[in-house]
Protein backbone atom coordinates (compact mmCIF):
# COMPACT_ATOMS: atom_id res chain seq x y z
CA MET A 1 103.52 -199.80 160.32
CA LYS A 2 101.35 -201.42 158.25
CA VAL A 3 97.90 -199.98 158.16
CA SER A 4 94.88 -202.09 157.65
CA TRP A 5 91.21 -201.45 156.68
CA SER A 6 88.43 -203.02 158.59
CA PHE A 7 85.29 -203.95 156.51
CA LYS A 8 83.31 -201.23 158.65
CA SER A 9 86.33 -198.81 158.04
CA VAL A 10 85.59 -199.14 154.46
CA LYS A 11 82.05 -198.66 154.52
CA THR A 12 82.04 -195.73 156.81
CA TYR A 13 84.56 -193.78 154.59
CA ASP A 14 82.45 -194.59 151.34
CA GLN A 15 79.36 -193.15 153.19
CA ILE A 16 81.01 -189.79 154.25
CA PHE A 17 82.85 -189.61 150.63
CA THR A 18 79.62 -190.13 148.90
CA PHE A 19 77.76 -187.72 151.51
CA LEU A 20 80.24 -185.24 150.68
CA LEU A 21 80.60 -185.42 146.82
CA SER A 22 76.56 -185.38 146.82
CA GLU A 23 76.29 -182.56 148.90
CA TRP A 24 79.22 -180.39 148.84
CA GLY A 25 80.70 -181.36 145.52
CA GLN A 26 84.21 -182.94 144.45
CA THR A 27 86.09 -180.12 145.99
CA SER A 28 84.70 -181.56 149.31
CA ALA A 29 84.94 -184.91 148.81
CA ASP A 30 88.65 -184.50 147.74
CA LYS A 31 89.85 -182.43 150.72
CA PHE A 32 88.51 -185.52 152.89
CA MET A 33 90.36 -188.21 150.80
CA ASP A 34 93.47 -186.15 150.95
CA GLU A 35 93.54 -185.59 154.74
CA VAL A 36 92.51 -189.26 155.00
CA ASP A 37 95.72 -190.12 152.98
CA ARG A 38 97.66 -187.55 154.71
CA ILE A 39 96.68 -189.12 158.56
CA LEU A 40 97.26 -192.38 157.75
CA VAL A 41 101.21 -191.56 156.72
CA LEU A 42 101.10 -189.62 159.81
CA ILE A 43 99.72 -192.43 162.25
CA SER A 44 102.01 -195.01 160.43
CA LYS A 45 105.00 -193.46 162.06
CA PRO A 46 103.89 -192.35 165.58
CA PRO A 47 100.86 -194.61 165.95
CA LYS A 48 99.73 -193.12 169.09
CA MET A 49 99.56 -189.75 168.43
CA PHE A 50 96.06 -189.21 168.82
CA LYS A 51 94.20 -189.57 171.96
CA ARG A 52 93.52 -192.88 173.50
CA SER A 53 89.65 -193.90 174.17
CA LEU A 54 88.20 -193.77 177.41
CA LYS A 55 86.37 -196.82 176.79
CA LEU A 56 89.66 -199.57 174.85
CA ASN A 57 93.25 -198.99 175.69
CA ASN A 58 94.42 -199.46 172.54
CA VAL A 59 92.14 -197.39 170.36
CA ARG A 60 92.90 -193.99 169.43
CA ILE A 61 90.47 -191.31 168.35
CA GLY A 62 91.82 -188.67 165.76
CA ASN A 63 90.25 -185.70 164.19
CA LEU A 64 90.24 -185.44 160.29
CA ILE A 65 88.58 -182.35 159.64
CA PRO A 66 86.08 -180.38 161.28
CA TYR A 67 83.21 -182.63 160.80
CA ASN A 68 85.04 -186.14 160.68
CA THR A 69 86.89 -188.38 163.16
CA LEU A 70 89.10 -191.82 162.47
CA ILE A 71 88.77 -194.45 165.07
CA TYR A 72 91.62 -197.09 165.20
CA ARG A 73 93.29 -199.76 166.90
CA VAL A 74 97.42 -199.95 167.16
CA GLY A 75 98.75 -203.22 167.27
CA LYS A 76 102.39 -204.49 167.35
CA GLN A 77 102.53 -204.79 163.77
CA THR A 78 99.78 -203.10 162.41
CA ILE A 79 97.19 -200.00 162.37
CA GLU A 80 93.64 -201.40 162.27
CA LEU A 81 91.41 -198.67 160.89
CA ILE A 82 88.06 -199.14 162.85
CA LEU A 83 85.68 -196.75 161.72
CA PHE A 84 85.47 -193.17 160.26
CA TRP A 85 82.64 -190.99 162.12
CA ASP A 86 80.62 -187.99 161.33
CA ASN A 87 80.87 -185.83 164.05
CA ARG A 88 77.14 -184.44 163.49
CA GLN A 89 75.66 -187.98 164.02
CA ASP A 90 74.19 -188.61 167.48
CA ALA A 91 77.28 -189.67 169.47
CA LYS A 92 75.06 -192.52 171.35
CA LYS A 93 75.10 -194.39 168.18
CA LEU A 94 78.88 -194.53 168.01
CA LYS A 95 79.77 -198.33 168.60
CA TYR A 96 83.73 -199.67 168.23
């Protein structure tokens, strides 16, 4: 399946990458980037491999690395990345 990035997913990806780069260095930022690439390849084959959202039926939530989560929507032809989430943030602020 084709993977598409929403504006919010690009923005939240960049925010996490920038945070990791500034706080933990290039190695941590690269690890995040590599893990995202790996997960995108995985979900393009069996897109429903991660747990279903309790809020929305066609939305999936998958942990990337201990502190980061990917939220994405599975359509008939595409997978839309909704956002990346830093799990250290207040979960009450999570909107998708």
